[in-house]
PDB file of N, CA and C in Angstrom:
ATOM      1  N   MET A   1     114.471  45.639  67.910  1.00  0.00           N
ATOM      2  CA  MET A   1     114.821  46.006  66.680  1.00  0.00           C
ATOM      3  C   MET A   1     116.370  46.415  66.966  1.00  0.00           C
ATOM      4  N   LEU A   2     117.257  45.953  66.005  1.00  0.00           N
ATOM      5  CA  LEU A   2     118.635  46.461  66.053  1.00  0.00           C
ATOM      6  C   LEU A   2     118.953  47.649  65.240  1.00  0.00           C
ATOM      7  N   HIS A   3     119.823  48.603  65.797  1.00  0.00           N
ATOM      8  CA  HIS A   3     120.093  49.850  64.948  1.00  0.00           C
ATOM      9  C   HIS A   3     121.746  49.800  65.134  1.00  0.00           C
ATOM     10  N   GLU A   4     122.258  50.382  64.013  1.00  0.00           N
ATOM     11  CA  GLU A   4     123.790  50.411  63.967  1.00  0.00           C
ATOM     12  C   GLU A   4     124.110  51.841  63.898  1.00  0.00           C
ATOM     13  N   LEU A   5     125.285  51.964  64.407  1.00  0.00           N
ATOM     14  CA  LEU A   5     125.997  53.387  64.209  1.00  0.00           C
ATOM     15  C   LEU A   5     127.196  53.141  63.374  1.00  0.00           C
ATOM     16  N   ARG A   6     127.154  53.790  62.255  1.00  0.00           N
ATOM     17  CA  ARG A   6     128.316  53.871  61.304  1.00  0.00           C
ATOM     18  C   ARG A   6     128.841  55.137  61.279  1.00  0.00           C
ATOM     19  N   LEU A   7     130.256  55.372  61.087  1.00  0.00           N
ATOM     20  CA  LEU A   7     130.818  56.637  60.775  1.00  0.00           C
ATOM     21  C   LEU A   7     130.324  57.239  59.598  1.00  0.00           C
ATOM     22  N   THR A   8     129.754  58.352  59.592  1.00  0.00           N
ATOM     23  CA  THR A   8     129.131  59.084  58.406  1.00  0.00           C
ATOM     24  C   THR A   8     130.025  60.172  58.181  1.00  0.00           C
ATOM     25  N   LYS A   9     129.955  60.656  56.932  1.00  0.00           N
ATOM     26  CA  LYS A   9     130.682  61.786  56.419  1.00  0.00           C
ATOM     27  C   LYS A   9     130.117  63.089  57.125  1.00  0.00           C
ATOM     28  N   ILE A  10     130.903  63.710  57.850  1.00  0.00           N
ATOM     29  CA  ILE A  10     130.457  65.015  58.559  1.00  0.00           C
ATOM     30  C   ILE A  10     130.886  66.180  57.695  1.00  0.00           C
ATOM     31  N   ASN A  11     131.918  65.852  56.767  1.00  0.00           N
ATOM     32  CA  ASN A  11     132.367  67.038  55.910  1.00  0.00           C
ATOM     33  C   ASN A  11     132.740  66.345  54.695  1.00  0.00           C
ATOM     34  N   PRO A  12     132.477  66.792  53.676  1.00  0.00           N
ATOM     35  CA  PRO A  12     132.521  66.420  52.219  1.00  0.00           C
ATOM     36  C   PRO A  12     133.895  65.820  51.963  1.00  0.00           C
ATOM     37  N   ASN A  13     134.975  66.478  52.551  1.00  0.00           N
ATOM     38  CA  ASN A  13     136.349  65.898  52.312  1.00  0.00           C
ATOM     39  C   ASN A  13     136.883  64.902  53.332  1.00  0.00           C
ATOM     40  N   MET A  14     135.918  64.448  54.258  1.00  0.00           N
ATOM     41  CA  MET A  14     136.382  63.617  55.310  1.00  0.00           C
ATOM     42  C   MET A  14     136.565  62.192  54.732  1.00  0.00           C
ATOM     43  N   THR A  15     137.434  61.328  55.228  1.00  0.00           N
ATOM     44  CA  THR A  15     137.501  59.947  54.959  1.00  0.00           C
ATOM     45  C   THR A  15     137.666  59.183  56.241  1.00  0.00           C
ATOM     46  N   ALA A  16     138.018  59.695  57.367  1.00  0.00           N
ATOM     47  CA  ALA A  16     138.181  58.929  58.554  1.00  0.00           C
ATOM     48  C   ALA A  16     138.039  60.010  59.809  1.00  0.00           C
ATOM     49  N   ALA A  17     137.972  59.485  60.958  1.00  0.00           N
ATOM     50  CA  ALA A  17     137.861  60.193  62.072  1.00  0.00           C
ATOM     51  C   ALA A  17     138.609  59.409  63.235  1.00  0.00           C
ATOM     52  N   VAL A  18     138.996  60.133  64.280  1.00  0.00           N
ATOM     53  CA  VAL A  18     139.499  59.402  65.488  1.00  0.00           C
ATOM     54  C   VAL A  18     138.460  59.564  66.694  1.00  0.00           C
ATOM     55  N   VAL A  19     138.252  58.346  67.208  1.00  0.00           N
ATOM     56  CA  VAL A  19     137.268  58.524  68.421  1.00  0.00           C
ATOM     57  C   VAL A  19     138.003  59.233  69.717  1.00  0.00           C
ATOM     58  N   GLU A  20     137.407  60.189  70.161  1.00  0.00           N
ATOM     59  CA  GLU A  20     138.087  60.899  71.152  1.00  0.00           C
ATOM     60  C   GLU A  20     137.558  60.509  72.588  1.00  0.00           C
ATOM     61  N   CYS A  21     136.331  60.202  72.597  1.00  0.00           N
ATOM     62  CA  CYS A  21     135.567  59.901  73.813  1.00  0.00           C
ATOM     63  C   CYS A  21     134.324  59.026  73.608  1.00  0.00           C
ATOM     64  N   VAL A  22     133.972  58.105  74.450  1.00  0.00           N
ATOM     65  CA  VAL A  22     132.837  57.377  74.314  1.00  0.00           C
ATOM     66  C   VAL A  22     132.182  57.567  75.670  1.00  0.00           C
ATOM     67  N   TYR A  23     130.964  58.051  75.650  1.00  0.00           N
ATOM     68  CA  TYR A  23     130.137  58.388  76.900  1.00  0.00           C
ATOM     69  C   TYR A  23     129.319  57.329  77.355  1.00  0.00           C
ATOM     70  N   ALA A  24     128.640  56.578  76.573  1.00  0.00           N
ATOM     71  CA  ALA A  24     127.703  55.634  77.106  1.00  0.00           C
ATOM     72  C   ALA A  24     128.127  54.377  77.525  1.00  0.00           C
ATOM     73  N   ALA A  25     127.796  53.701  78.543  1.00  0.00           N
ATOM     74  CA  ALA A  25     128.214  52.273  78.916  1.00  0.00           C
ATOM     75  C   ALA A  25     127.396  51.332  78.281  1.00  0.00           C
ATOM     76  N   THR A  26     128.088  50.285  77.890  1.00  0.00           N
ATOM     77  CA  THR A  26     127.328  49.070  77.272  1.00  0.00           C
ATOM     78  C   THR A  26     126.293  48.588  78.182  1.00  0.00           C
ATOM     79  N   GLY A  27     125.114  48.277  77.734  1.00  0.00           N
ATOM     80  CA  GLY A  27     123.956  47.844  78.610  1.00  0.00           C
ATOM     81  C   GLY A  27     123.116  49.094  79.124  1.00  0.00           C
ATOM     82  N   SER A  28     123.627  50.287  78.847  1.00  0.00           N
ATOM     83  CA  SER A  28     122.763  51.228  79.438  1.00  0.00           C
ATOM     84  C   SER A  28     121.756  51.796  78.399  1.00  0.00           C
ATOM     85  N   MET A  29     120.561  52.374  78.964  1.00  0.00           N
ATOM     86  CA  MET A  29     119.481  52.887  78.150  1.00  0.00           C
ATOM     87  C   MET A  29     119.964  54.221  77.905  1.00  0.00           C
ATOM     88  N   LEU A  30     119.620  54.728  76.699  1.00  0.00           N
ATOM     89  CA  LEU A  30     119.999  56.142  76.131  1.00  0.00           C
ATOM     90  C   LEU A  30     118.550  56.779  75.791  1.00  0.00           C
ATOM     91  N   LYS A  31     118.382  58.058  76.019  1.00  0.00           N
ATOM     92  CA  LYS A  31     117.314  58.657  75.740  1.00  0.00           C
ATOM     93  C   LYS A  31     117.741  59.816  74.554  1.00  0.00           C
ATOM     94  N   MET A  32     116.642  60.389  73.978  1.00  0.00           N
ATOM     95  CA  MET A  32     116.907  61.187  73.001  1.00  0.00           C
ATOM     96  C   MET A  32     117.756  62.370  73.556  1.00  0.00           C
ATOM     97  N   GLY A  33     118.984  62.724  72.815  1.00  0.00           N
ATOM     98  CA  GLY A  33     119.650  63.787  73.375  1.00  0.00           C
ATOM     99  C   GLY A  33     121.002  63.291  74.243  1.00  0.00           C
ATOM    100  N   ASP A  34     120.948  62.051  74.474  1.00  0.00           N
ATOM    101  CA  ASP A  34     122.111  61.570  75.232  1.00  0.00           C
ATOM    102  C   ASP A  34     123.476  61.436  74.384  1.00  0.00           C
ATOM    103  N   LYS A  35     124.629  61.900  74.955  1.00  0.00           N
ATOM    104  CA  LYS A  35     125.916  61.766  74.173  1.00  0.00           C
ATOM    105  C   LYS A  35     126.242  60.394  74.034  1.00  0.00           C
ATOM    106  N   LEU A  36     126.786  60.160  72.665  1.00  0.00           N
ATOM    107  CA  LEU A  36     127.308  58.795  72.401  1.00  0.00           C
ATOM    108  C   LEU A  36     128.821  58.856  72.413  1.00  0.00           C
ATOM    109  N   CYS A  37     129.397  59.845  71.703  1.00  0.00           N
ATOM    110  CA  CYS A  37     130.772  59.864  71.433  1.00  0.00           C
ATOM    111  C   CYS A  37     131.439  61.185  70.969  1.00  0.00           C
ATOM    112  N   ASP A  38     132.512  61.518  71.097  1.00  0.00           N
ATOM    113  CA  ASP A  38     133.251  62.631  70.443  1.00  0.00           C
ATOM    114  C   ASP A  38     134.200  62.247  69.511  1.00  0.00           C
ATOM    115  N   LEU A  39     134.320  62.825  68.440  1.00  0.00           N
ATOM    116  CA  LEU A  39     135.142  62.602  67.247  1.00  0.00           C
ATOM    117  C   LEU A  39     136.121  63.704  66.879  1.00  0.00           C
ATOM    118  N   SER A  40     137.383  63.517  66.368  1.00  0.00           N
ATOM    119  CA  SER A  40     138.025  64.480  65.612  1.00  0.00           C
ATOM    120  C   SER A  40     138.272  64.057  64.399  1.00  0.00           C
ATOM    121  N   VAL A  41     138.344  65.039  63.440  1.00  0.00           N
ATOM    122  CA  VAL A  41     138.494  64.993  61.924  1.00  0.00           C
ATOM    123  C   VAL A  41     139.585  65.814  61.618  1.00  0.00           C
ATOM    124  N   ASP A  42     140.585  65.209  60.920  1.00  0.00           N
ATOM    125  CA  ASP A  42     141.810  65.843  60.445  1.00  0.00           C
ATOM    126  C   ASP A  42     141.816  66.061  58.944  1.00  0.00           C
ATOM    127  N   LEU A  43     141.603  67.178  58.363  1.00  0.00           N
ATOM    128  CA  LEU A  43     141.624  67.401  56.998  1.00  0.00           C
ATOM    129  C   LEU A  43     142.927  67.925  56.374  1.00  0.00           C
ATOM    130  N   SER A  44     144.101  67.888  57.196  1.00  0.00           N
ATOM    131  CA  SER A  44     145.311  68.350  56.679  1.00  0.00           C
ATOM    132  C   SER A  44     145.843  67.640  55.390  1.00  0.00           C
ATOM    133  N   SER A  45     145.521  66.515  55.359  1.00  0.00           N
ATOM    134  CA  SER A  45     145.957  65.630  54.020  1.00  0.00           C
ATOM    135  C   SER A  45     145.424  66.167  52.741  1.00  0.00           C
ATOM    136  N   GLY A  46     144.204  66.871  52.928  1.00  0.00           N
ATOM    137  CA  GLY A  46     143.475  67.341  51.674  1.00  0.00           C
ATOM    138  C   GLY A  46     143.784  68.690  51.291  1.00  0.00           C
ATOM    139  N   PHE A  47     144.355  69.484  52.367  1.00  0.00           N
ATOM    140  CA  PHE A  47     144.296  71.075  52.250  1.00  0.00           C
ATOM    141  C   PHE A  47     145.712  71.481  52.660  1.00  0.00           C
ATOM    142  N   SER A  48     146.474  72.389  51.931  1.00  0.00           N
ATOM    143  CA  SER A  48     147.767  72.996  52.158  1.00  0.00           C
ATOM    144  C   SER A  48     147.417  74.126  53.358  1.00  0.00           C
ATOM    145  N   GLN A  49     147.854  73.928  54.560  1.00  0.00           N
ATOM    146  CA  GLN A  49     147.538  74.999  55.583  1.00  0.00           C
ATOM    147  C   GLN A  49     148.934  75.099  56.360  1.00  0.00           C
ATOM    148  N   TYR A  50     148.883  76.118  57.101  1.00  0.00           N
ATOM    149  CA  TYR A  50     149.962  76.517  58.077  1.00  0.00           C
ATOM    150  C   TYR A  50     149.803  75.719  59.293  1.00  0.00           C
ATOM    151  N   CYS A  51     148.528  75.276  59.641  1.00  0.00           N
ATOM    152  CA  CYS A  51     148.401  74.283  60.823  1.00  0.00           C
ATOM    153  C   CYS A  51     147.242  73.349  60.440  1.00  0.00           C
ATOM    154  N   PRO A  52     147.235  72.262  60.937  1.00  0.00           N
ATOM    155  CA  PRO A  52     146.285  71.205  60.570  1.00  0.00           C
ATOM    156  C   PRO A  52     144.983  71.748  60.906  1.00  0.00           C
ATOM    157  N   PRO A  53     143.975  71.538  59.995  1.00  0.00           N
ATOM    158  CA  PRO A  53     142.580  71.893  60.217  1.00  0.00           C
ATOM    159  C   PRO A  53     141.860  70.606  60.894  1.00  0.00           C
ATOM    160  N   ILE A  54     141.924  70.652  62.179  1.00  0.00           N
ATOM    161  CA  ILE A  54     141.227  69.732  62.989  1.00  0.00           C
ATOM    162  C   ILE A  54     140.046  70.179  63.564  1.00  0.00           C
ATOM    163  N   SER A  55     138.879  69.406  63.251  1.00  0.00           N
ATOM    164  CA  SER A  55     137.556  69.835  63.851  1.00  0.00           C
ATOM    165  C   SER A  55     137.110  68.722  64.915  1.00  0.00           C
ATOM    166  N   TYR A  56     136.353  69.123  65.666  1.00  0.00           N
ATOM    167  CA  TYR A  56     135.873  68.196  66.714  1.00  0.00           C
ATOM    168  C   TYR A  56     134.242  68.071  66.653  1.00  0.00           C
ATOM    169  N   PHE A  57     133.822  66.965  66.967  1.00  0.00           N
ATOM    170  CA  PHE A  57     132.191  66.760  66.691  1.00  0.00           C
ATOM    171  C   PHE A  57     131.662  65.900  67.892  1.00  0.00           C
ATOM    172  N   ARG A  58     130.515  66.198  68.285  1.00  0.00           N
ATOM    173  CA  ARG A  58     129.803  65.122  69.307  1.00  0.00           C
ATOM    174  C   ARG A  58     128.805  64.666  68.480  1.00  0.00           C
ATOM    175  N   VAL A  59     128.642  63.343  68.753  1.00  0.00           N
ATOM    176  CA  VAL A  59     127.491  62.497  68.252  1.00  0.00           C
ATOM    177  C   VAL A  59     126.409  62.212  69.300  1.00  0.00           C
ATOM    178  N   VAL A  60     125.191  62.516  68.925  1.00  0.00           N
ATOM    179  CA  VAL A  60     124.091  62.417  69.998  1.00  0.00           C
ATOM    180  C   VAL A  60     123.122  61.641  69.383  1.00  0.00           C
ATOM    181  N   SER A  61     122.417  60.756  70.334  1.00  0.00           N
ATOM    182  CA  SER A  61     121.224  59.775  69.853  1.00  0.00           C
ATOM    183  C   SER A  61     119.941  60.698  69.832  1.00  0.00           C
ATOM    184  N   ARG A  62     119.276  60.486  68.693  1.00  0.00           N
ATOM    185  CA  ARG A  62     117.986  61.194  68.561  1.00  0.00           C
ATOM    186  C   ARG A  62     116.912  60.319  68.855  1.00  0.00           C
ATOM    187  N   GLU A  63     117.093  59.289  69.473  1.00  0.00           N
ATOM    188  CA  GLU A  63     115.929  58.334  69.744  1.00  0.00           C
ATOM    189  C   GLU A  63     116.371  57.385  71.117  1.00  0.00           C
ATOM    190  N   LYS A  64     115.299  56.887  71.883  1.00  0.00           N
ATOM    191  CA  LYS A  64     115.529  56.069  72.958  1.00  0.00           C
ATOM    192  C   LYS A  64     116.008  54.588  72.533  1.00  0.00           C
ATOM    193  N   VAL A  65     117.184  54.172  73.027  1.00  0.00           N
ATOM    194  CA  VAL A  65     117.536  52.806  72.679  1.00  0.00           C
ATOM    195  C   VAL A  65     118.534  52.367  73.774  1.00  0.00           C
ATOM    196  N   TRP A  66     118.916  50.989  73.637  1.00  0.00           N
ATOM    197  CA  TRP A  66     119.731  50.459  74.650  1.00  0.00           C
ATOM    198  C   TRP A  66     121.136  50.339  73.919  1.00  0.00           C
ATOM    199  N   PHE A  67     122.222  50.790  74.653  1.00  0.00           N
ATOM    200  CA  PHE A  67     123.562  50.697  73.830  1.00  0.00           C
ATOM    201  C   PHE A  67     124.078  49.250  74.412  1.00  0.00           C
ATOM    202  N   ARG A  68     124.172  48.389  73.227  1.00  0.00           N
ATOM    203  CA  ARG A  68     124.343  47.029  73.413  1.00  0.00           C
ATOM    204  C   ARG A  68     125.885  46.438  73.235  1.00  0.00           C
ATOM    205  N   LYS A  69     126.616  47.209  72.157  1.00  0.00           N
ATOM    206  CA  LYS A  69     127.835  46.722  71.900  1.00  0.00           C
ATOM    207  C   LYS A  69     128.554  47.813  71.272  1.00  0.00           C
ATOM    208  N   ILE A  70     129.910  48.063  71.820  1.00  0.00           N
ATOM    209  CA  ILE A  70     130.752  49.121  71.130  1.00  0.00           C
ATOM    210  C   ILE A  70     131.883  48.437  70.541  1.00  0.00           C
ATOM    211  N   LEU A  71     132.289  48.930  69.313  1.00  0.00           N
ATOM    212  CA  LEU A  71     133.278  48.281  68.361  1.00  0.00           C
ATOM    213  C   LEU A  71     134.318  49.159  68.255  1.00  0.00           C
ATOM    214  N   VAL A  72     134.440  50.343  68.928  1.00  0.00           N
ATOM    215  CA  VAL A  72     135.586  51.324  68.856  1.00  0.00           C
ATOM    216  C   VAL A  72     136.084  51.653  70.271  1.00  0.00           C
ATOM    217  N   ALA A  73     137.185  52.180  70.367  1.00  0.00           N
ATOM    218  CA  ALA A  73     137.751  52.789  71.556  1.00  0.00           C
ATOM    219  C   ALA A  73     138.425  54.014  71.425  1.00  0.00           C
ATOM    220  N   PRO A  74     138.402  54.984  72.435  1.00  0.00           N
ATOM    221  CA  PRO A  74     139.086  56.157  72.254  1.00  0.00           C
ATOM    222  C   PRO A  74     140.553  56.091  71.738  1.00  0.00           C
ATOM    223  N   GLY A  75     140.859  56.763  70.799  1.00  0.00           N
ATOM    224  CA  GLY A  75     142.322  56.788  70.175  1.00  0.00           C
ATOM    225  C   GLY A  75     142.106  56.108  68.901  1.00  0.00           C
ATOM    226  N   GLN A  76     141.236  55.251  68.624  1.00  0.00           N
ATOM    227  CA  GLN A  76     141.027  54.432  67.332  1.00  0.00           C
ATOM    228  C   GLN A  76     140.564  55.309  66.188  1.00  0.00           C
ATOM    229  N   SER A  77     141.148  55.234  65.099  1.00  0.00           N
ATOM    230  CA  SER A  77     140.782  55.783  63.896  1.00  0.00           C
ATOM    231  C   SER A  77     139.834  55.031  63.148  1.00  0.00           C
ATOM    232  N   CYS A  78     138.709  55.413  62.539  1.00  0.00           N
ATOM    233  CA  CYS A  78     137.682  54.775  61.853  1.00  0.00           C
ATOM    234  C   CYS A  78     137.549  55.345  60.452  1.00  0.00           C
ATOM    235  N   ASN A  79     137.258  54.553  59.395  1.00  0.00           N
ATOM    236  CA  ASN A  79     136.984  55.101  58.087  1.00  0.00           C
ATOM    237  C   ASN A  79     135.468  55.462  57.983  1.00  0.00           C
ATOM    238  N   VAL A  80     135.084  56.125  57.184  1.00  0.00           N
ATOM    239  CA  VAL A  80     133.746  56.398  56.789  1.00  0.00           C
ATOM    240  C   VAL A  80     133.051  55.054  56.395  1.00  0.00           C
ATOM    241  N   GLY A  81     132.014  54.823  56.960  1.00  0.00           N
ATOM    242  CA  GLY A  81     131.273  53.615  56.767  1.00  0.00           C
ATOM    243  C   GLY A  81     131.540  52.534  57.760  1.00  0.00           C
ATOM    244  N   ASP A  82     132.638  52.583  58.658  1.00  0.00           N
ATOM    245  CA  ASP A  82     132.760  51.479  59.714  1.00  0.00           C
ATOM    246  C   ASP A  82     131.779  51.558  60.654  1.00  0.00           C
ATOM    247  N   LEU A  83     131.560  50.228  61.063  1.00  0.00           N
ATOM    248  CA  LEU A  83     130.534  50.073  62.064  1.00  0.00           C
ATOM    249  C   LEU A  83     131.196  50.369  63.478  1.00  0.00           C
ATOM    250  N   MET A  84     130.550  51.142  64.313  1.00  0.00           N
ATOM    251  CA  MET A  84     131.033  51.866  65.548  1.00  0.00           C
ATOM    252  C   MET A  84     130.474  51.091  66.709  1.00  0.00           C
ATOM    253  N   ALA A  85     128.905  50.932  66.631  1.00  0.00           N
ATOM    254  CA  ALA A  85     128.416  50.426  67.757  1.00  0.00           C
ATOM    255  C   ALA A  85     126.831  49.867  67.304  1.00  0.00           C
ATOM    256  N   ILE A  86     126.262  49.013  68.141  1.00  0.00           N
ATOM    257  CA  ILE A  86     125.058  48.342  67.940  1.00  0.00           C
ATOM    258  C   ILE A  86     124.173  48.781  69.108  1.00  0.00           C
ATOM    259  N   PHE A  87     122.949  49.021  68.928  1.00  0.00           N
ATOM    260  CA  PHE A  87     121.904  49.487  69.788  1.00  0.00           C
ATOM    261  C   PHE A  87     120.634  48.548  69.455  1.00  0.00           C
ATOM    262  N   SER A  88     119.746  48.440  70.486  1.00  0.00           N
ATOM    263  CA  SER A  88     118.446  47.878  70.345  1.00  0.00           C
ATOM    264  C   SER A  88     117.247  48.562  71.082  1.00  0.00           C
ATOM    265  N   THR A  89     116.185  48.139  70.590  1.00  0.00           N
ATOM    266  CA  THR A  89     114.996  48.695  71.388  1.00  0.00           C
ATOM    267  C   THR A  89     114.660  48.127  72.557  1.00  0.00           C
ATOM    268  N   GLU A  90     115.240  46.994  72.765  1.00  0.00           N
ATOM    269  CA  GLU A  90     114.761  46.084  74.023  1.00  0.00           C
ATOM    270  C   GLU A  90     116.069  45.832  74.602  1.00  0.00           C
ATOM    271  N   PRO A  91     116.116  45.837  75.943  1.00  0.00           N
ATOM    272  CA  PRO A  91     117.386  45.634  76.638  1.00  0.00           C
ATOM    273  C   PRO A  91     118.027  44.183  76.588  1.00  0.00           C
ATOM    274  N   ASP A  92     117.286  43.250  76.254  1.00  0.00           N
ATOM    275  CA  ASP A  92     117.823  41.797  76.271  1.00  0.00           C
ATOM    276  C   ASP A  92     117.582  41.086  74.730  1.00  0.00           C
ATOM    277  N   GLU A  93     117.418  41.847  73.773  1.00  0.00           N
ATOM    278  CA  GLU A  93     117.479  41.613  72.321  1.00  0.00           C
ATOM    279  C   GLU A  93     118.968  40.959  71.954  1.00  0.00           C
ATOM    280  N   LEU A  94     118.823  39.836  71.085  1.00  0.00           N
ATOM    281  CA  LEU A  94     120.011  39.416  70.667  1.00  0.00           C
ATOM    282  C   LEU A  94     120.713  40.303  69.681  1.00  0.00           C
ATOM    283  N   VAL A  95     121.947  40.489  69.776  1.00  0.00           N
ATOM    284  CA  VAL A  95     122.845  41.417  69.044  1.00  0.00           C
ATOM    285  C   VAL A  95     123.409  40.834  67.725  1.00  0.00           C
ATOM    286  N   ASP A  96     123.373  39.472  67.521  1.00  0.00           N
ATOM    287  CA  ASP A  96     123.951  38.753  66.448  1.00  0.00           C
ATOM    288  C   ASP A  96     123.429  39.059  65.323  1.00  0.00           C
ATOM    289  N   GLY A  97     122.122  39.430  64.904  1.00  0.00           N
ATOM    290  CA  GLY A  97     121.489  39.561  63.704  1.00  0.00           C
ATOM    291  C   GLY A  97     121.887  40.866  62.886  1.00  0.00           C
ATOM    292  N   ALA A  98     121.154  40.987  61.949  1.00  0.00           N
ATOM    293  CA  ALA A  98     121.488  42.250  61.095  1.00  0.00           C
ATOM    294  C   ALA A  98     120.662  43.336  61.642  1.00  0.00           C
ATOM    295  N   ALA A  99     121.327  44.507  61.374  1.00  0.00           N
ATOM    296  CA  ALA A  99     120.471  45.759  62.055  1.00  0.00           C
ATOM    297  C   ALA A  99     119.482  46.156  61.118  1.00  0.00           C
ATOM    298  N   ALA A 100     118.157  46.478  61.630  1.00  0.00           N
ATOM    299  CA  ALA A 100     117.104  46.831  60.745  1.00  0.00           C
ATOM    300  C   ALA A 100     117.159  48.304  60.216  1.00  0.00           C
ATOM    301  N   ARG A 101     118.062  49.064  60.813  1.00  0.00           N
ATOM    302  CA  ARG A 101     118.406  50.424  60.261  1.00  0.00           C
ATOM    303  C   ARG A 101     119.389  51.189  60.943  1.00  0.00           C
ATOM    304  N   PRO A 102     119.967  52.336  60.595  1.00  0.00           N
ATOM    305  CA  PRO A 102     120.889  53.154  61.231  1.00  0.00           C
ATOM    306  C   PRO A 102     120.125  53.718  62.329  1.00  0.00           C
ATOM    307  N   LEU A 103     121.086  53.940  63.510  1.00  0.00           N
ATOM    308  CA  LEU A 103     120.476  54.695  64.589  1.00  0.00           C
ATOM    309  C   LEU A 103     120.319  56.151  64.228  1.00  0.00           C
ATOM    310  N   ARG A 104     119.312  56.858  64.519  1.00  0.00           N
ATOM    311  CA  ARG A 104     119.060  58.228  64.317  1.00  0.00           C
ATOM    312  C   ARG A 104     119.940  59.023  65.144  1.00  0.00           C
ATOM    313  N   ILE A 105     120.832  59.843  64.591  1.00  0.00           N
ATOM    314  CA  ILE A 105     121.804  60.630  65.380  1.00  0.00           C
ATOM    315  C   ILE A 105     121.699  62.079  64.797  1.00  0.00           C
ATOM    316  N   THR A 106     122.483  62.970  65.728  1.00  0.00           N
ATOM    317  CA  THR A 106     122.785  64.285  65.171  1.00  0.00           C
ATOM    318  C   THR A 106     124.304  64.655  65.555  1.00  0.00           C
ATOM    319  N   THR A 107     124.924  65.351  64.763  1.00  0.00           N
ATOM    320  CA  THR A 107     126.102  65.764  65.150  1.00  0.00           C
ATOM    321  C   THR A 107     126.306  67.358  65.461  1.00  0.00           C
ATOM    322  N   ALA A 108     127.255  67.682  66.246  1.00  0.00           N
ATOM    323  CA  ALA A 108     127.471  68.968  66.565  1.00  0.00           C
ATOM    324  C   ALA A 108     128.823  69.357  66.764  1.00  0.00           C
ATOM    325  N   GLY A 109     129.293  70.579  66.075  1.00  0.00           N
ATOM    326  CA  GLY A 109     130.667  70.960  66.225  1.00  0.00           C
ATOM    327  C   GLY A 109     130.892  71.355  67.929  1.00  0.00           C
ATOM    328  N   ILE A 110     132.142  70.931  68.070  1.00  0.00           N
ATOM    329  CA  ILE A 110     132.423  71.200  69.736  1.00  0.00           C
ATOM    330  C   ILE A 110     133.838  71.700  69.891  1.00  0.00           C
ATOM    331  N   ALA A 111     134.204  72.196  71.002  1.00  0.00           N
ATOM    332  CA  ALA A 111     135.638  72.733  71.275  1.00  0.00           C
ATOM    333  C   ALA A 111     136.262  71.440  71.800  1.00  0.00           C
ATOM    334  N   HIS A 112     137.630  71.455  71.530  1.00  0.00           N
ATOM    335  CA  HIS A 112     138.528  70.312  72.189  1.00  0.00           C
ATOM    336  C   HIS A 112     138.527  70.676  73.826  1.00  0.00           C
ATOM    337  N   HIS A 113     138.258  69.560  74.411  1.00  0.00           N
ATOM    338  CA  HIS A 113     138.174  69.424  75.974  1.00  0.00           C
ATOM    339  C   HIS A 113     139.208  68.469  76.493  1.00  0.00           C
ATOM    340  N   SER A 114     139.423  68.558  77.937  1.00  0.00           N
ATOM    341  CA  SER A 114     140.418  67.833  78.706  1.00  0.00           C
ATOM    342  C   SER A 114     140.019  66.559  78.587  1.00  0.00           C
ATOM    343  N   GLY A 115     138.796  66.008  78.518  1.00  0.00           N
ATOM    344  CA  GLY A 115     138.414  64.572  78.510  1.00  0.00           C
ATOM    345  C   GLY A 115     138.654  63.747  77.293  1.00  0.00           C
ATOM    346  N   MET A 116     139.073  64.507  76.302  1.00  0.00           N
ATOM    347  CA  MET A 116     139.384  63.849  75.014  1.00  0.00           C
ATOM    348  C   MET A 116     140.663  62.899  75.018  1.00  0.00           C
ATOM    349  N   TRP A 117     140.757  61.980  74.291  1.00  0.00           N
ATOM    350  CA  TRP A 117     141.729  61.014  74.208  1.00  0.00           C
ATOM    351  C   TRP A 117     143.108  61.812  73.755  1.00  0.00           C
ATOM    352  N   SER A 118     142.983  62.765  72.800  1.00  0.00           N
ATOM    353  CA  SER A 118     144.029  63.480  72.382  1.00  0.00           C
ATOM    354  C   SER A 118     144.553  64.507  73.432  1.00  0.00           C
ATOM    355  N   ALA A 119     143.929  64.836  74.432  1.00  0.00           N
ATOM    356  CA  ALA A 119     144.355  65.681  75.498  1.00  0.00           C
ATOM    357  C   ALA A 119     145.033  64.898  76.395  1.00  0.00           C
ATOM    358  N   SER A 120     145.177  63.589  76.423  1.00  0.00           N
ATOM    359  CA  SER A 120     145.835  62.756  77.438  1.00  0.00           C
ATOM    360  C   SER A 120     147.394  62.805  77.207  1.00  0.00           C
ATOM    361  N   GLY A 121     147.793  63.127  75.969  1.00  0.00           N
ATOM    362  CA  GLY A 121     149.201  63.079  75.683  1.00  0.00           C
ATOM    363  C   GLY A 121     149.662  61.835  75.239  1.00  0.00           C
ATOM    364  N   THR A 122     148.804  60.893  75.082  1.00  0.00           N
ATOM    365  CA  THR A 122     149.410  59.529  74.566  1.00  0.00           C
ATOM    366  C   THR A 122     149.380  59.367  73.072  1.00  0.00           C
TER     367      THR A 122
END
């Protein structure tokens, strides 16, 4: 069975996020609790602030799956609803079909760290 990861709204005022890190390798098996990616969300366009309100989040798998196809890269901006990755319940399942459902995930707020794309200075 195929599962998809789409960018979901983490904050009600969010319209997009930047991919900061991708942790899993294509073809790898992920278990419940494994890290998928880190995201940054910038809400400065919606709020008047002295400094940009940027928040960082980690996306974690809540089920055992095979990571089959990544459609984003660190530094890439994604809109809410964009398809980010495809997963399957079997390691050799074809990924060309329609996903049966979204991947079960959880998100958590995290601190900015040196492994993030935005920390590289590019």
